[in-house]
Amino acid sequence: MGILRTIIWVLLTAVLVIFAMANWLAVTVTIWPGQVLDTKLPVLILASFLIGSVPMWIALRTTRWSLKRRLDASERQLADMRALANRPVEPAPVVTPASAPAPAPGTASPTLPLDIP
């Protein structure tokens, strides 16, 4: 995959160099009335490309940065929840009838069935 990417970049660079050499002409650009700039055509095209692409690249990087922070926070929270789920559980104390408190006189025991005729 890396070789394919390198080949594409080399071909793109070669095309851009050939284009720049074929169009190395002086161009007059009027920026504001009374403000004239003489530059070469490839320099003007490169400057236009950078003016358009740099703000979008910055927006992309900030979005990726914020999403990465959110993903890292979610992964930390998931790891904490897994640690809580995997901790050993202490068994509940067993209540034996001998250690159970005796019911008050005149009340029925909640664990014994009632005798109904």
C-alpha atoms as a PDB file:
ATOM      1  CA  MET A   1       0.000   0.000   0.000  1.00  0.00           C
ATOM      2  CA  GLY A   2       2.879   2.351   0.782  1.00  0.00           C
ATOM      3  CA  ILE A   3       4.491   1.739  -2.601  1.00  0.00           C
ATOM      4  CA  LEU A   4       1.240   2.570  -4.404  1.00  0.00           C
ATOM      5  CA  ARG A   5       0.904   5.819  -2.446  1.00  0.00           C
ATOM      6  CA  THR A   6       4.523   6.742  -3.266  1.00  0.00           C
ATOM      7  CA  ILE A   7       3.984   6.058  -6.981  1.00  0.00           C
ATOM      8  CA  ILE A   8       0.882   8.270  -7.012  1.00  0.00           C
ATOM      9  CA  TRP A   9       2.730  11.134  -5.267  1.00  0.00           C
ATOM     10  CA  VAL A  10       5.686  10.866  -7.669  1.00  0.00           C
ATOM     11  CA  LEU A  11       3.368  10.932 -10.711  1.00  0.00           C
ATOM     12  CA  LEU A  12       1.418  13.893  -9.315  1.00  0.00           C
ATOM     13  CA  THR A  13       4.643  15.791  -8.629  1.00  0.00           C
ATOM     14  CA  ALA A  14       5.930  15.079 -12.144  1.00  0.00           C
ATOM     15  CA  VAL A  15       2.683  16.334 -13.704  1.00  0.00           C
ATOM     16  CA  LEU A  16       2.815  19.514 -11.600  1.00  0.00           C
ATOM     17  CA  VAL A  17       6.454  20.190 -12.519  1.00  0.00           C
ATOM     18  CA  ILE A  18       5.733  19.689 -16.231  1.00  0.00           C
ATOM     19  CA  PHE A  19       2.709  22.003 -15.954  1.00  0.00           C
ATOM     20  CA  ALA A  20       4.768  24.664 -14.155  1.00  0.00           C
ATOM     21  CA  MET A  21       7.568  24.516 -16.746  1.00  0.00           C
ATOM     22  CA  ALA A  22       5.126  24.768 -19.665  1.00  0.00           C
ATOM     23  CA  ASN A  23       3.253  27.721 -18.132  1.00  0.00           C
ATOM     24  CA  TRP A  24       6.098  29.761 -16.655  1.00  0.00           C
ATOM     25  CA  LEU A  25       4.584  33.027 -17.867  1.00  0.00           C
ATOM     26  CA  ALA A  26       4.355  36.410 -16.199  1.00  0.00           C
ATOM     27  CA  VAL A  27       0.794  37.190 -15.170  1.00  0.00           C
ATOM     28  CA  THR A  28      -0.552  40.547 -14.025  1.00  0.00           C
ATOM     29  CA  VAL A  29      -3.128  40.281 -11.243  1.00  0.00           C
ATOM     30  CA  THR A  30      -5.176  43.261 -10.054  1.00  0.00           C
ATOM     31  CA  ILE A  31      -5.715  42.728  -6.335  1.00  0.00           C
ATOM     32  CA  TRP A  32      -7.522  46.038  -5.611  1.00  0.00           C
ATOM     33  CA  PRO A  33      -8.006  49.027  -7.833  1.00  0.00           C
ATOM     34  CA  GLY A  34      -4.582  50.592  -8.059  1.00  0.00           C
ATOM     35  CA  GLN A  35      -2.879  47.466  -6.617  1.00  0.00           C
ATOM     36  CA  VAL A  36      -1.275  45.347  -9.351  1.00  0.00           C
ATOM     37  CA  LEU A  37       0.833  42.219  -8.781  1.00  0.00           C
ATOM     38  CA  ASP A  38       3.123  40.692 -11.417  1.00  0.00           C
ATOM     39  CA  THR A  39       3.811  37.021 -10.713  1.00  0.00           C
ATOM     40  CA  LYS A  40       4.355  33.729 -12.483  1.00  0.00           C
ATOM     41  CA  LEU A  41       1.291  31.601 -13.286  1.00  0.00           C
ATOM     42  CA  PRO A  42       2.311  28.440 -11.317  1.00  0.00           C
ATOM     43  CA  VAL A  43       2.987  30.571  -8.224  1.00  0.00           C
ATOM     44  CA  LEU A  44      -0.486  32.106  -8.531  1.00  0.00           C
ATOM     45  CA  ILE A  45      -2.107  28.670  -8.911  1.00  0.00           C
ATOM     46  CA  LEU A  46      -0.202  27.288  -5.903  1.00  0.00           C
ATOM     47  CA  ALA A  47      -1.148  30.294  -3.761  1.00  0.00           C
ATOM     48  CA  SER A  48      -4.819  29.904  -4.743  1.00  0.00           C
ATOM     49  CA  PHE A  49      -4.723  26.207  -3.899  1.00  0.00           C
ATOM     50  CA  LEU A  50      -3.167  26.865  -0.483  1.00  0.00           C
ATOM     51  CA  ILE A  51      -5.636  29.644   0.330  1.00  0.00           C
ATOM     52  CA  GLY A  52      -8.479  27.223  -0.306  1.00  0.00           C
ATOM     53  CA  SER A  53      -7.070  24.066   1.235  1.00  0.00           C
ATOM     54  CA  VAL A  54      -5.288  25.227   4.396  1.00  0.00           C
ATOM     55  CA  PRO A  55      -8.454  26.341   6.266  1.00  0.00           C
ATOM     56  CA  MET A  56     -10.181  23.049   5.447  1.00  0.00           C
ATOM     57  CA  TRP A  57      -7.115  21.102   6.555  1.00  0.00           C
ATOM     58  CA  ILE A  58      -7.104  22.982   9.870  1.00  0.00           C
ATOM     59  CA  ALA A  59     -10.831  22.255  10.330  1.00  0.00           C
ATOM     60  CA  LEU A  60     -10.204  18.563   9.612  1.00  0.00           C
ATOM     61  CA  ARG A  61      -7.346  18.374  12.114  1.00  0.00           C
ATOM     62  CA  THR A  62      -9.355  20.062  14.885  1.00  0.00           C
ATOM     63  CA  THR A  63     -12.316  17.747  14.265  1.00  0.00           C
ATOM     64  CA  ARG A  64     -10.076  14.684  14.366  1.00  0.00           C
ATOM     65  CA  TRP A  65      -8.440  15.966  17.556  1.00  0.00           C
ATOM     66  CA  SER A  66     -11.763  16.487  19.343  1.00  0.00           C
ATOM     67  CA  LEU A  67     -13.124  13.116  18.186  1.00  0.00           C
ATOM     68  CA  LYS A  68      -9.931  11.385  19.337  1.00  0.00           C
ATOM     69  CA  ARG A  69     -10.294  12.994  22.772  1.00  0.00           C
ATOM     70  CA  ARG A  70     -13.910  11.799  22.999  1.00  0.00           C
ATOM     71  CA  LEU A  71     -12.926   8.288  21.900  1.00  0.00           C
ATOM     72  CA  ASP A  72     -10.109   8.117  24.461  1.00  0.00           C
ATOM     73  CA  ALA A  73     -12.483   9.242  27.220  1.00  0.00           C
ATOM     74  CA  SER A  74     -15.023   6.600  26.159  1.00  0.00           C
ATOM     75  CA  GLU A  75     -12.349   3.886  26.125  1.00  0.00           C
ATOM     76  CA  ARG A  76     -11.189   4.898  29.622  1.00  0.00           C
ATOM     77  CA  GLN A  77     -14.783   4.802  30.869  1.00  0.00           C
ATOM     78  CA  LEU A  78     -15.309   1.377  29.284  1.00  0.00           C
ATOM     79  CA  ALA A  79     -12.135   0.056  30.915  1.00  0.00           C
ATOM     80  CA  ASP A  80     -13.326   1.345  34.304  1.00  0.00           C
ATOM     81  CA  MET A  81     -16.717  -0.287  33.843  1.00  0.00           C
ATOM     82  CA  ARG A  82     -15.104  -3.597  32.843  1.00  0.00           C
ATOM     83  CA  ALA A  83     -12.888  -3.449  35.909  1.00  0.00           C
ATOM     84  CA  LEU A  84     -15.965  -2.921  38.095  1.00  0.00           C
ATOM     85  CA  ALA A  85     -17.810  -5.780  36.400  1.00  0.00           C
ATOM     86  CA  ASN A  86     -14.884  -8.195  36.831  1.00  0.00           C
ATOM     87  CA  ARG A  87     -14.206  -7.536  40.503  1.00  0.00           C
ATOM     88  CA  PRO A  88     -14.949 -10.434  42.860  1.00  0.00           C
ATOM     89  CA  VAL A  89     -18.298 -10.345  44.623  1.00  0.00           C
ATOM     90  CA  GLU A  90     -18.430 -11.149  48.324  1.00  0.00           C
ATOM     91  CA  PRO A  91     -21.108 -13.715  49.147  1.00  0.00           C
ATOM     92  CA  ALA A  92     -24.017 -12.544  51.288  1.00  0.00           C
ATOM     93  CA  PRO A  93     -23.969 -13.764  54.887  1.00  0.00           C
ATOM     94  CA  VAL A  94     -26.037 -16.922  55.404  1.00  0.00           C
ATOM     95  CA  VAL A  95     -28.773 -16.625  58.040  1.00  0.00           C
ATOM     96  CA  THR A  96     -29.473 -19.888  59.823  1.00  0.00           C
ATOM     97  CA  PRO A  97     -32.721 -20.499  61.718  1.00  0.00           C
ATOM     98  CA  ALA A  98     -30.807 -20.718  65.009  1.00  0.00           C
ATOM     99  CA  SER A  99     -29.352 -17.251  64.543  1.00  0.00           C
ATOM    100  CA  ALA A 100     -32.561 -15.723  63.183  1.00  0.00           C
ATOM    101  CA  PRO A 101     -34.381 -13.468  65.605  1.00  0.00           C
ATOM    102  CA  ALA A 102     -37.529 -14.946  67.101  1.00  0.00           C
ATOM    103  CA  PRO A 103     -40.808 -13.409  65.979  1.00  0.00           C
ATOM    104  CA  ALA A 104     -42.705 -11.330  68.441  1.00  0.00           C
ATOM    105  CA  PRO A 105     -45.376 -13.240  70.379  1.00  0.00           C
ATOM    106  CA  GLY A 106     -48.765 -13.228  68.684  1.00  0.00           C
ATOM    107  CA  THR A 107     -47.432 -12.650  65.173  1.00  0.00           C
ATOM    108  CA  ALA A 108     -47.055 -15.206  62.453  1.00  0.00           C
ATOM    109  CA  SER A 109     -43.645 -16.046  61.111  1.00  0.00           C
ATOM    110  CA  PRO A 110     -43.255 -14.622  57.584  1.00  0.00           C
ATOM    111  CA  THR A 111     -41.426 -17.713  56.402  1.00  0.00           C
ATOM    112  CA  LEU A 112     -43.915 -20.299  57.695  1.00  0.00           C
ATOM    113  CA  PRO A 113     -47.172 -20.998  55.859  1.00  0.00           C
ATOM    114  CA  LEU A 114     -50.370 -20.068  57.658  1.00  0.00           C
ATOM    115  CA  ASP A 115     -52.863 -22.776  58.559  1.00  0.00           C
ATOM    116  CA  ILE A 116     -56.171 -21.710  57.040  1.00  0.00           C
ATOM    117  CA  PRO A 117     -59.177 -24.095  57.528  1.00  0.00           C
END
